[in-house]
Amino acid sequence: MPLICVLPAGGEAEIDLFKIPSFQNCFITSGNEDIKRRCTMHVKEVLTAVIERFKDGSIPEAIALSTFPPANIPAKKWSLLNRTIMFINGSHDARGIKQWNAVNRKVKKGSKAIHILAPWMKKENDEEGNETETLRGFMAVPVFRVEDTEGDPLDYEQIAVSDLPLISKASEWGISVKAIPGDYRVYGYYSPKREEIAIASKDEVVFFHELAHAAHARIKGGLKSGQHWAQEIVAELSAVTLCKLIGKNSIYFGHSYRYIEEYARTAHLTALQGCLAVMADVEKVLNLITGGDNVFTHDQKELIPAL
C-alpha cells in the first residue's frame, strides 16, 4: 500500500514507501484491519527524541515553552507536539525549503533537516457514495531550523540583543539571549535548563524581567515550576526598578502594575502587599545584577506607586 510522502519542497507525490529503505516499516492503517504499527526511521527518531525528554525530566519545560505564542510564521498552525519537537531541536522557527525561499532565505550547505509528524488523510467514498476522509497513517515531514538558514533578516531578528543594557551580566552567567517570534501576548521567557533568555520585544523591561528570573534562581538555588506569584512579582518589580536605575522609561509600566496586581491576587494580596512581601528578594536580585551594596537609596515603598 503506497503512502503519501511530503517532499522538502512542499509538493506531494504518491510513492510506494516500502520500496524506499529509509521509509520501510511505516506506521499504517488499512480499512477495518487492526492497526499495524511499523514506524519509519525518521518517525522513530522523532518519537524517540520526545520520549528521551520524558526520561530526563525536561519535557514539561519543552511543552510549556512550545506554547509560547508564535508570530505569523508557519509553526503557528502546527500542533503542540510539532512545536515541541521544534523546540527540543533548539529552535522557535522551522520551515520547508520553499517556505524559506519565499522569504529570501536559503538553507546553509550541509544543514540537516529535523522532522515533524503529519497525518496522511485519504479521501474515500462510503457505501452510500458520500466522500469521507480517513486517517491512513503518519509521515515524517522534513523542515529546517531558522538557525540553519541565511539571507534576509526576519522581523523578529531585528531586535538587537547585543545592545541591551546589562547583556554582559547574562553573558557572565553563561546565559544565551536571543530574539524569537511572538504575537505580543507573551513577550519572553527564561529557561533554567537551557540557560537561555528569549525575548520578543525591544523594550528593556522585558529583558530585565527574564534576567531577574535568572538572578532569583541563583539566589534561591532554583525556581519553582510554573508561574509562581512571588517569583513573577520579584521579576517584574526588579525589571521596573532596573529601568528606573538606568534612566529608561517603558511603555509597559502600566502593564507592570496590572501584572503584579494579577499575581498578587492569586495569593489573596493587594499589589502593595505582594510587593512588600517579596521586597527582600527583590533587593537581593538587584544587588546581584548591579553588583551594588544596596540599590534602594530611598524608601522602598516609593518604588511601588511608580509602576
C-alpha atoms as a PDB file:
ATOM      1  CA  MET A   1       0.000   0.000   0.000  1.00  0.00           C
ATOM      2  CA  PRO A   2       1.542   3.334  -1.002  1.00  0.00           C
ATOM      3  CA  LEU A   3       1.647   6.279   1.395  1.00  0.00           C
ATOM      4  CA  ILE A   4       1.909   9.989   0.667  1.00  0.00           C
ATOM      5  CA  CYS A   5       5.395  11.393   1.147  1.00  0.00           C
ATOM      6  CA  VAL A   6       5.646  15.162   1.644  1.00  0.00           C
ATOM      7  CA  LEU A   7       8.707  16.370  -0.196  1.00  0.00           C
ATOM      8  CA  PRO A   8      11.070  19.033   1.239  1.00  0.00           C
ATOM      9  CA  ALA A   9       9.971  21.489  -1.438  1.00  0.00           C
ATOM     10  CA  GLY A  10       6.408  21.301  -0.176  1.00  0.00           C
ATOM     11  CA  GLY A  11       4.960  19.279  -3.061  1.00  0.00           C
ATOM     12  CA  GLU A  12       3.264  15.924  -2.709  1.00  0.00           C
ATOM     13  CA  ALA A  13       3.869  12.692  -4.560  1.00  0.00           C
ATOM     14  CA  GLU A  14       2.371   9.262  -4.125  1.00  0.00           C
ATOM     15  CA  ILE A  15       5.242   6.897  -3.511  1.00  0.00           C
ATOM     16  CA  ASP A  16       5.436   3.227  -2.557  1.00  0.00           C
ATOM     17  CA  LEU A  17       7.385   3.750   0.664  1.00  0.00           C
ATOM     18  CA  PHE A  18       8.071   0.048   1.053  1.00  0.00           C
ATOM     19  CA  LYS A  19      10.432   0.326  -1.924  1.00  0.00           C
ATOM     20  CA  ILE A  20      12.459   3.065  -0.193  1.00  0.00           C
ATOM     21  CA  PRO A  21      14.849   1.740   2.511  1.00  0.00           C
ATOM     22  CA  SER A  22      14.595   4.838   4.718  1.00  0.00           C
ATOM     23  CA  PHE A  23      10.787   4.624   4.744  1.00  0.00           C
ATOM     24  CA  GLN A  24      10.423   0.902   5.312  1.00  0.00           C
ATOM     25  CA  ASN A  25       8.293  -0.212   8.266  1.00  0.00           C
ATOM     26  CA  CYS A  26       5.948   2.764   8.140  1.00  0.00           C
ATOM     27  CA  PHE A  27       3.105   3.168  10.619  1.00  0.00           C
ATOM     28  CA  ILE A  28      -0.006   2.400   8.585  1.00  0.00           C
ATOM     29  CA  THR A  29      -3.672   1.598   8.961  1.00  0.00           C
ATOM     30  CA  SER A  30      -5.793  -0.166   6.396  1.00  0.00           C
ATOM     31  CA  GLY A  31      -9.605  -0.115   6.271  1.00  0.00           C
ATOM     32  CA  ASN A  32     -11.135  -2.171   9.084  1.00  0.00           C
ATOM     33  CA  GLU A  33      -7.954  -4.135   9.681  1.00  0.00           C
ATOM     34  CA  ASP A  34      -6.185  -3.934  13.012  1.00  0.00           C
ATOM     35  CA  ILE A  35      -3.676  -1.089  13.278  1.00  0.00           C
ATOM     36  CA  LYS A  36      -0.284  -2.117  12.027  1.00  0.00           C
ATOM     37  CA  ARG A  37       2.351  -0.204  13.955  1.00  0.00           C
ATOM     38  CA  ARG A  38       5.511  -0.006  11.956  1.00  0.00           C
ATOM     39  CA  CYS A  39       7.435   3.252  12.140  1.00  0.00           C
ATOM     40  CA  THR A  40       9.802   4.756   9.608  1.00  0.00           C
ATOM     41  CA  MET A  41      13.334   5.619  10.570  1.00  0.00           C
ATOM     42  CA  HIS A  42      12.519   9.319  10.790  1.00  0.00           C
ATOM     43  CA  VAL A  43       9.285   8.812  12.711  1.00  0.00           C
ATOM     44  CA  LYS A  44      11.163   6.603  15.174  1.00  0.00           C
ATOM     45  CA  GLU A  45      13.803   9.299  15.624  1.00  0.00           C
ATOM     46  CA  VAL A  46      11.163  11.956  16.247  1.00  0.00           C
ATOM     47  CA  LEU A  47       9.264   9.881  18.785  1.00  0.00           C
ATOM     48  CA  THR A  48      12.458   8.680  20.482  1.00  0.00           C
ATOM     49  CA  ALA A  49      13.586  12.280  20.956  1.00  0.00           C
ATOM     50  CA  VAL A  50      10.301  13.149  22.653  1.00  0.00           C
ATOM     51  CA  ILE A  51      10.463  10.041  24.861  1.00  0.00           C
ATOM     52  CA  GLU A  52      14.018  10.897  25.901  1.00  0.00           C
ATOM     53  CA  ARG A  53      12.750  14.270  27.079  1.00  0.00           C
ATOM     54  CA  PHE A  54      10.316  12.462  29.352  1.00  0.00           C
ATOM     55  CA  LYS A  55      13.167  10.343  30.725  1.00  0.00           C
ATOM     56  CA  ASP A  56      15.428  13.281  31.581  1.00  0.00           C
ATOM     57  CA  GLY A  57      12.540  15.278  33.079  1.00  0.00           C
ATOM     58  CA  SER A  58      12.728  18.182  30.647  1.00  0.00           C
ATOM     59  CA  ILE A  59       9.546  17.521  28.663  1.00  0.00           C
ATOM     60  CA  PRO A  60       7.349  19.729  30.913  1.00  0.00           C
ATOM     61  CA  GLU A  61       9.548  22.748  30.183  1.00  0.00           C
ATOM     62  CA  ALA A  62       9.756  21.855  26.491  1.00  0.00           C
ATOM     63  CA  ILE A  63       5.971  21.657  26.238  1.00  0.00           C
ATOM     64  CA  ALA A  64       5.472  24.828  28.291  1.00  0.00           C
ATOM     65  CA  LEU A  65       7.867  26.845  26.158  1.00  0.00           C
ATOM     66  CA  SER A  66       6.437  25.372  22.971  1.00  0.00           C
ATOM     67  CA  THR A  67       3.132  27.005  23.848  1.00  0.00           C
ATOM     68  CA  PHE A  68       4.850  30.412  23.545  1.00  0.00           C
ATOM     69  CA  PRO A  69       2.530  32.178  21.091  1.00  0.00           C
ATOM     70  CA  PRO A  70       4.274  32.211  17.709  1.00  0.00           C
ATOM     71  CA  ALA A  71       4.078  35.134  15.345  1.00  0.00           C
ATOM     72  CA  ASN A  72       2.809  34.942  11.790  1.00  0.00           C
ATOM     73  CA  ILE A  73       5.066  32.020  10.891  1.00  0.00           C
ATOM     74  CA  PRO A  74       4.195  28.523   9.622  1.00  0.00           C
ATOM     75  CA  ALA A  75       4.697  26.952  13.077  1.00  0.00           C
ATOM     76  CA  LYS A  76       1.721  28.948  14.333  1.00  0.00           C
ATOM     77  CA  LYS A  77      -0.505  26.409  12.577  1.00  0.00           C
ATOM     78  CA  TRP A  78       1.394  23.380  13.865  1.00  0.00           C
ATOM     79  CA  SER A  79       0.229  21.067  16.611  1.00  0.00           C
ATOM     80  CA  LEU A  80       1.695  21.425  20.095  1.00  0.00           C
ATOM     81  CA  LEU A  81       3.573  18.167  19.532  1.00  0.00           C
ATOM     82  CA  ASN A  82       5.291  19.503  16.423  1.00  0.00           C
ATOM     83  CA  ARG A  83       6.167  22.797  18.126  1.00  0.00           C
ATOM     84  CA  THR A  84       7.615  20.755  20.995  1.00  0.00           C
ATOM     85  CA  ILE A  85       9.678  18.758  18.506  1.00  0.00           C
ATOM     86  CA  MET A  86      10.936  22.038  17.038  1.00  0.00           C
ATOM     87  CA  PHE A  87      11.782  23.386  20.484  1.00  0.00           C
ATOM     88  CA  ILE A  88      13.713  20.314  21.634  1.00  0.00           C
ATOM     89  CA  ASN A  89      15.733  20.695  18.437  1.00  0.00           C
ATOM     90  CA  GLY A  90      16.746  24.167  19.643  1.00  0.00           C
ATOM     91  CA  SER A  91      14.589  26.444  17.522  1.00  0.00           C
ATOM     92  CA  HIS A  92      11.437  28.577  17.547  1.00  0.00           C
ATOM     93  CA  ASP A  93      11.059  28.777  13.779  1.00  0.00           C
ATOM     94  CA  ALA A  94      11.335  25.949  11.275  1.00  0.00           C
ATOM     95  CA  ARG A  95      10.030  25.733   7.732  1.00  0.00           C
ATOM     96  CA  GLY A  96      10.267  23.789   4.500  1.00  0.00           C
ATOM     97  CA  ILE A  97      12.720  24.827   1.803  1.00  0.00           C
ATOM     98  CA  LYS A  98      10.077  26.557  -0.331  1.00  0.00           C
ATOM     99  CA  GLN A  99       8.842  28.475   2.709  1.00  0.00           C
ATOM    100  CA  TRP A 100      12.356  29.718   3.462  1.00  0.00           C
ATOM    101  CA  ASN A 101      12.907  30.642  -0.175  1.00  0.00           C
ATOM    102  CA  ALA A 102       9.669  32.663  -0.107  1.00  0.00           C
ATOM    103  CA  VAL A 103      11.216  34.991   2.494  1.00  0.00           C
ATOM    104  CA  ASN A 104      14.535  35.180   0.631  1.00  0.00           C
ATOM    105  CA  ARG A 105      16.430  32.807   2.882  1.00  0.00           C
ATOM    106  CA  LYS A 106      18.442  29.744   1.878  1.00  0.00           C
ATOM    107  CA  VAL A 107      19.304  26.619   3.817  1.00  0.00           C
ATOM    108  CA  LYS A 108      23.005  26.573   4.674  1.00  0.00           C
ATOM    109  CA  LYS A 109      25.073  23.959   2.901  1.00  0.00           C
ATOM    110  CA  GLY A 110      25.417  20.798   4.947  1.00  0.00           C
ATOM    111  CA  SER A 111      22.457  21.532   7.225  1.00  0.00           C
ATOM    112  CA  LYS A 112      20.334  18.592   8.272  1.00  0.00           C
ATOM    113  CA  ALA A 113      16.576  18.682   8.409  1.00  0.00           C
ATOM    114  CA  ILE A 114      14.543  17.974  11.510  1.00  0.00           C
ATOM    115  CA  HIS A 115      11.304  16.087  11.114  1.00  0.00           C
ATOM    116  CA  ILE A 116       7.812  16.853  12.301  1.00  0.00           C
ATOM    117  CA  LEU A 117       4.837  14.498  12.102  1.00  0.00           C
ATOM    118  CA  ALA A 118       1.865  14.984   9.814  1.00  0.00           C
ATOM    119  CA  PRO A 119      -1.210  12.793   9.357  1.00  0.00           C
ATOM    120  CA  TRP A 120      -1.948  11.292   5.976  1.00  0.00           C
ATOM    121  CA  MET A 121      -5.655  11.645   5.294  1.00  0.00           C
ATOM    122  CA  LYS A 122      -7.110   9.840   2.328  1.00  0.00           C
ATOM    123  CA  LYS A 123     -10.462  10.686   0.748  1.00  0.00           C
ATOM    124  CA  GLU A 124     -12.713   7.707   0.223  1.00  0.00           C
ATOM    125  CA  ASN A 125     -16.342   7.072  -0.647  1.00  0.00           C
ATOM    126  CA  ASP A 126     -18.529   5.154   1.774  1.00  0.00           C
ATOM    127  CA  GLU A 127     -21.146   2.586   0.780  1.00  0.00           C
ATOM    128  CA  GLU A 128     -23.652   5.362   0.100  1.00  0.00           C
ATOM    129  CA  GLY A 129     -21.251   7.241  -2.136  1.00  0.00           C
ATOM    130  CA  ASN A 130     -20.509  10.012   0.397  1.00  0.00           C
ATOM    131  CA  GLU A 131     -16.961  11.278   0.454  1.00  0.00           C
ATOM    132  CA  THR A 132     -15.125  10.861   3.760  1.00  0.00           C
ATOM    133  CA  GLU A 133     -11.582  11.355   4.963  1.00  0.00           C
ATOM    134  CA  THR A 134      -9.778   8.512   6.694  1.00  0.00           C
ATOM    135  CA  LEU A 135      -6.540   8.618   8.654  1.00  0.00           C
ATOM    136  CA  ARG A 136      -4.268   6.144   6.869  1.00  0.00           C
ATOM    137  CA  GLY A 137      -1.011   6.821   8.650  1.00  0.00           C
ATOM    138  CA  PHE A 138       1.600   9.366   9.688  1.00  0.00           C
ATOM    139  CA  MET A 139       4.563  10.730   7.811  1.00  0.00           C
ATOM    140  CA  ALA A 140       7.769  12.468   8.768  1.00  0.00           C
ATOM    141  CA  VAL A 141       7.994  15.908   7.131  1.00  0.00           C
ATOM    142  CA  PRO A 142      11.462  17.492   6.797  1.00  0.00           C
ATOM    143  CA  VAL A 143      11.843  21.129   7.853  1.00  0.00           C
ATOM    144  CA  PHE A 144      14.865  23.310   8.578  1.00  0.00           C
ATOM    145  CA  ARG A 145      15.507  25.487  11.615  1.00  0.00           C
ATOM    146  CA  VAL A 146      15.984  29.217  11.178  1.00  0.00           C
ATOM    147  CA  GLU A 147      19.429  28.738  12.744  1.00  0.00           C
ATOM    148  CA  ASP A 148      20.344  26.647   9.687  1.00  0.00           C
ATOM    149  CA  THR A 149      19.359  29.316   7.160  1.00  0.00           C
ATOM    150  CA  GLU A 150      20.818  32.581   5.926  1.00  0.00           C
ATOM    151  CA  GLY A 151      19.521  35.529   3.935  1.00  0.00           C
ATOM    152  CA  ASP A 152      17.198  38.461   4.542  1.00  0.00           C
ATOM    153  CA  PRO A 153      16.559  39.271   8.209  1.00  0.00           C
ATOM    154  CA  LEU A 154      13.219  38.267   9.661  1.00  0.00           C
ATOM    155  CA  ASP A 155      11.125  40.803  11.549  1.00  0.00           C
ATOM    156  CA  TYR A 156      11.843  39.339  14.986  1.00  0.00           C
ATOM    157  CA  GLU A 157      15.573  39.121  14.259  1.00  0.00           C
ATOM    158  CA  GLN A 158      15.750  42.906  14.188  1.00  0.00           C
ATOM    159  CA  ILE A 159      15.755  43.037  17.997  1.00  0.00           C
ATOM    160  CA  ALA A 160      19.380  43.973  18.724  1.00  0.00           C
ATOM    161  CA  VAL A 161      20.001  41.786  21.768  1.00  0.00           C
ATOM    162  CA  SER A 162      23.696  42.742  21.859  1.00  0.00           C
ATOM    163  CA  ASP A 163      22.715  46.358  22.586  1.00  0.00           C
ATOM    164  CA  LEU A 164      20.541  45.553  25.607  1.00  0.00           C
ATOM    165  CA  PRO A 165      21.683  47.139  28.880  1.00  0.00           C
ATOM    166  CA  LEU A 166      23.166  44.567  31.280  1.00  0.00           C
ATOM    167  CA  ILE A 167      23.540  41.995  28.494  1.00  0.00           C
ATOM    168  CA  SER A 168      27.049  41.446  29.860  1.00  0.00           C
ATOM    169  CA  LYS A 169      25.543  40.073  33.081  1.00  0.00           C
ATOM    170  CA  ALA A 170      23.740  37.377  31.133  1.00  0.00           C
ATOM    171  CA  SER A 171      26.998  36.533  29.360  1.00  0.00           C
ATOM    172  CA  GLU A 172      28.832  36.436  32.679  1.00  0.00           C
ATOM    173  CA  TRP A 173      26.327  33.856  33.951  1.00  0.00           C
ATOM    174  CA  GLY A 174      26.616  31.788  30.772  1.00  0.00           C
ATOM    175  CA  ILE A 175      23.082  32.628  29.629  1.00  0.00           C
ATOM    176  CA  SER A 176      22.396  32.964  25.910  1.00  0.00           C
ATOM    177  CA  VAL A 177      19.985  35.696  24.828  1.00  0.00           C
ATOM    178  CA  LYS A 178      18.097  35.527  21.550  1.00  0.00           C
ATOM    179  CA  ALA A 179      15.188  37.137  19.765  1.00  0.00           C
ATOM    180  CA  ILE A 180      12.191  34.972  18.960  1.00  0.00           C
ATOM    181  CA  PRO A 181       8.867  35.415  17.166  1.00  0.00           C
ATOM    182  CA  GLY A 182       5.854  36.287  19.274  1.00  0.00           C
ATOM    183  CA  ASP A 183       2.317  37.550  18.840  1.00  0.00           C
ATOM    184  CA  TYR A 184       2.714  40.108  21.633  1.00  0.00           C
ATOM    185  CA  ARG A 185       0.616  38.387  24.262  1.00  0.00           C
ATOM    186  CA  VAL A 186       3.727  36.861  25.834  1.00  0.00           C
ATOM    187  CA  TYR A 187       6.996  38.752  25.490  1.00  0.00           C
ATOM    188  CA  GLY A 188       9.711  36.398  26.660  1.00  0.00           C
ATOM    189  CA  TYR A 189      10.899  33.591  28.898  1.00  0.00           C
ATOM    190  CA  TYR A 190      13.878  32.359  30.903  1.00  0.00           C
ATOM    191  CA  SER A 191      14.756  28.666  30.653  1.00  0.00           C
ATOM    192  CA  PRO A 192      16.901  27.455  33.584  1.00  0.00           C
ATOM    193  CA  LYS A 193      17.583  24.081  31.968  1.00  0.00           C
ATOM    194  CA  ARG A 194      18.779  25.634  28.733  1.00  0.00           C
ATOM    195  CA  GLU A 195      20.299  28.713  30.404  1.00  0.00           C
ATOM    196  CA  GLU A 196      18.551  30.795  27.789  1.00  0.00           C
ATOM    197  CA  ILE A 197      16.607  34.042  27.698  1.00  0.00           C
ATOM    198  CA  ALA A 198      14.322  34.595  24.731  1.00  0.00           C
ATOM    199  CA  ILE A 199      12.587  37.908  24.056  1.00  0.00           C
ATOM    200  CA  ALA A 200      10.006  39.064  21.515  1.00  0.00           C
ATOM    201  CA  SER A 201      10.167  42.774  22.366  1.00  0.00           C
ATOM    202  CA  LYS A 202      12.770  45.526  22.080  1.00  0.00           C
ATOM    203  CA  ASP A 203      11.691  47.039  25.396  1.00  0.00           C
ATOM    204  CA  GLU A 204      14.376  46.719  28.076  1.00  0.00           C
ATOM    205  CA  VAL A 205      11.859  45.853  30.794  1.00  0.00           C
ATOM    206  CA  VAL A 206      11.138  42.527  29.059  1.00  0.00           C
ATOM    207  CA  PHE A 207      14.801  41.520  29.103  1.00  0.00           C
ATOM    208  CA  PHE A 208      15.200  42.768  32.679  1.00  0.00           C
ATOM    209  CA  HIS A 209      12.222  40.657  33.780  1.00  0.00           C
ATOM    210  CA  GLU A 210      13.843  37.482  32.446  1.00  0.00           C
ATOM    211  CA  LEU A 211      17.277  38.480  33.759  1.00  0.00           C
ATOM    212  CA  ALA A 212      15.687  38.950  37.181  1.00  0.00           C
ATOM    213  CA  HIS A 213      14.300  35.411  36.990  1.00  0.00           C
ATOM    214  CA  ALA A 214      17.832  34.173  36.283  1.00  0.00           C
ATOM    215  CA  ALA A 215      19.212  36.125  39.247  1.00  0.00           C
ATOM    216  CA  HIS A 216      16.419  34.899  41.517  1.00  0.00           C
ATOM    217  CA  ALA A 217      17.181  31.309  40.520  1.00  0.00           C
ATOM    218  CA  ARG A 218      20.812  31.794  41.512  1.00  0.00           C
ATOM    219  CA  ILE A 219      19.841  33.266  44.866  1.00  0.00           C
ATOM    220  CA  LYS A 220      17.279  30.578  45.683  1.00  0.00           C
ATOM    221  CA  GLY A 221      19.150  27.662  44.151  1.00  0.00           C
ATOM    222  CA  GLY A 222      16.377  27.213  41.613  1.00  0.00           C
ATOM    223  CA  LEU A 223      12.852  28.378  40.856  1.00  0.00           C
ATOM    224  CA  LYS A 224       9.515  26.721  41.500  1.00  0.00           C
ATOM    225  CA  SER A 225       7.894  25.262  38.411  1.00  0.00           C
ATOM    226  CA  GLY A 226       5.227  27.293  36.681  1.00  0.00           C
ATOM    227  CA  GLN A 227       4.496  30.966  37.206  1.00  0.00           C
ATOM    228  CA  HIS A 228       4.546  31.281  40.989  1.00  0.00           C
ATOM    229  CA  TRP A 229       3.104  34.576  42.207  1.00  0.00           C
ATOM    230  CA  ALA A 230       6.122  35.559  44.314  1.00  0.00           C
ATOM    231  CA  GLN A 231       8.622  34.789  41.558  1.00  0.00           C
ATOM    232  CA  GLU A 232       6.664  36.785  38.999  1.00  0.00           C
ATOM    233  CA  ILE A 233       6.337  39.809  41.282  1.00  0.00           C
ATOM    234  CA  VAL A 234      10.055  39.669  42.114  1.00  0.00           C
ATOM    235  CA  ALA A 235      10.896  39.603  38.389  1.00  0.00           C
ATOM    236  CA  GLU A 236       8.521  42.403  37.393  1.00  0.00           C
ATOM    237  CA  LEU A 237       9.322  44.733  40.282  1.00  0.00           C
ATOM    238  CA  SER A 238      13.042  44.158  39.713  1.00  0.00           C
ATOM    239  CA  ALA A 239      12.635  44.873  35.995  1.00  0.00           C
ATOM    240  CA  VAL A 240      10.820  48.164  36.562  1.00  0.00           C
ATOM    241  CA  THR A 241      13.386  49.219  39.170  1.00  0.00           C
ATOM    242  CA  LEU A 242      16.269  48.427  36.803  1.00  0.00           C
ATOM    243  CA  CYS A 243      14.639  50.632  34.164  1.00  0.00           C
ATOM    244  CA  LYS A 244      14.462  53.455  36.710  1.00  0.00           C
ATOM    245  CA  LEU A 245      18.077  52.927  37.756  1.00  0.00           C
ATOM    246  CA  ILE A 246      19.433  53.208  34.221  1.00  0.00           C
ATOM    247  CA  GLY A 247      17.097  56.064  33.313  1.00  0.00           C
ATOM    248  CA  LYS A 248      14.875  54.145  30.913  1.00  0.00           C
ATOM    249  CA  ASN A 249      11.130  54.555  30.558  1.00  0.00           C
ATOM    250  CA  SER A 250       8.961  51.710  29.365  1.00  0.00           C
ATOM    251  CA  ILE A 251       5.651  51.742  27.582  1.00  0.00           C
ATOM    252  CA  TYR A 252       4.818  48.716  29.731  1.00  0.00           C
ATOM    253  CA  PHE A 253       4.976  50.375  33.168  1.00  0.00           C
ATOM    254  CA  GLY A 254       1.161  50.460  33.333  1.00  0.00           C
ATOM    255  CA  HIS A 255       1.095  46.831  32.315  1.00  0.00           C
ATOM    256  CA  SER A 256       3.653  46.073  35.030  1.00  0.00           C
ATOM    257  CA  TYR A 257       1.311  47.253  37.762  1.00  0.00           C
ATOM    258  CA  ARG A 258      -1.544  45.154  36.378  1.00  0.00           C
ATOM    259  CA  TYR A 259       0.812  42.190  36.045  1.00  0.00           C
ATOM    260  CA  ILE A 260       1.830  42.455  39.708  1.00  0.00           C
ATOM    261  CA  GLU A 261      -1.756  43.043  40.781  1.00  0.00           C
ATOM    262  CA  GLU A 262      -2.958  39.892  38.990  1.00  0.00           C
ATOM    263  CA  TYR A 263      -0.297  37.658  40.531  1.00  0.00           C
ATOM    264  CA  ALA A 264      -0.753  39.179  43.991  1.00  0.00           C
ATOM    265  CA  ARG A 265      -4.464  38.425  43.726  1.00  0.00           C
ATOM    266  CA  THR A 266      -3.708  34.707  43.324  1.00  0.00           C
ATOM    267  CA  ALA A 267      -2.151  34.868  46.805  1.00  0.00           C
ATOM    268  CA  HIS A 268      -5.087  36.920  48.126  1.00  0.00           C
ATOM    269  CA  LEU A 269      -2.908  40.018  48.396  1.00  0.00           C
ATOM    270  CA  THR A 270      -3.115  43.549  47.037  1.00  0.00           C
ATOM    271  CA  ALA A 271      -0.391  44.744  44.673  1.00  0.00           C
ATOM    272  CA  LEU A 272       1.184  46.729  47.522  1.00  0.00           C
ATOM    273  CA  GLN A 273       1.112  43.757  49.887  1.00  0.00           C
ATOM    274  CA  GLY A 274       2.554  41.498  47.202  1.00  0.00           C
ATOM    275  CA  CYS A 275       5.445  43.881  46.558  1.00  0.00           C
ATOM    276  CA  LEU A 276       6.209  44.285  50.259  1.00  0.00           C
ATOM    277  CA  ALA A 277       6.108  40.510  50.748  1.00  0.00           C
ATOM    278  CA  VAL A 278       8.938  39.965  48.254  1.00  0.00           C
ATOM    279  CA  MET A 279      10.954  43.138  48.818  1.00  0.00           C
ATOM    280  CA  ALA A 280      13.859  41.315  50.478  1.00  0.00           C
ATOM    281  CA  ASP A 281      14.263  39.035  47.452  1.00  0.00           C
ATOM    282  CA  VAL A 282      13.936  41.988  45.066  1.00  0.00           C
ATOM    283  CA  GLU A 283      16.795  43.724  46.846  1.00  0.00           C
ATOM    284  CA  LYS A 284      18.973  40.602  46.598  1.00  0.00           C
ATOM    285  CA  VAL A 285      18.152  40.233  42.890  1.00  0.00           C
ATOM    286  CA  LEU A 286      19.000  43.849  42.135  1.00  0.00           C
ATOM    287  CA  ASN A 287      22.226  43.715  44.136  1.00  0.00           C
ATOM    288  CA  LEU A 288      23.281  40.548  42.318  1.00  0.00           C
ATOM    289  CA  ILE A 289      22.571  42.078  38.906  1.00  0.00           C
ATOM    290  CA  THR A 290      24.070  45.506  39.549  1.00  0.00           C
ATOM    291  CA  GLY A 291      26.821  44.467  41.941  1.00  0.00           C
ATOM    292  CA  GLY A 292      25.735  47.233  44.324  1.00  0.00           C
ATOM    293  CA  ASP A 293      25.682  47.044  48.106  1.00  0.00           C
ATOM    294  CA  ASN A 294      22.164  48.449  48.301  1.00  0.00           C
ATOM    295  CA  VAL A 295      20.212  49.612  45.290  1.00  0.00           C
ATOM    296  CA  PHE A 296      17.408  51.080  47.422  1.00  0.00           C
ATOM    297  CA  THR A 297      18.663  54.596  48.104  1.00  0.00           C
ATOM    298  CA  HIS A 298      15.276  55.813  49.332  1.00  0.00           C
ATOM    299  CA  ASP A 299      12.146  54.471  50.972  1.00  0.00           C
ATOM    300  CA  GLN A 300      11.330  51.131  49.314  1.00  0.00           C
ATOM    301  CA  LYS A 301       7.644  51.956  49.207  1.00  0.00           C
ATOM    302  CA  GLU A 302       8.292  54.856  46.839  1.00  0.00           C
ATOM    303  CA  LEU A 303       9.090  52.412  44.061  1.00  0.00           C
ATOM    304  CA  ILE A 304       5.681  50.801  44.074  1.00  0.00           C
ATOM    305  CA  PRO A 305       3.444  53.740  43.079  1.00  0.00           C
ATOM    306  CA  ALA A 306       5.888  54.475  40.241  1.00  0.00           C
ATOM    307  CA  LEU A 307       4.754  51.358  38.353  1.00  0.00           C
END
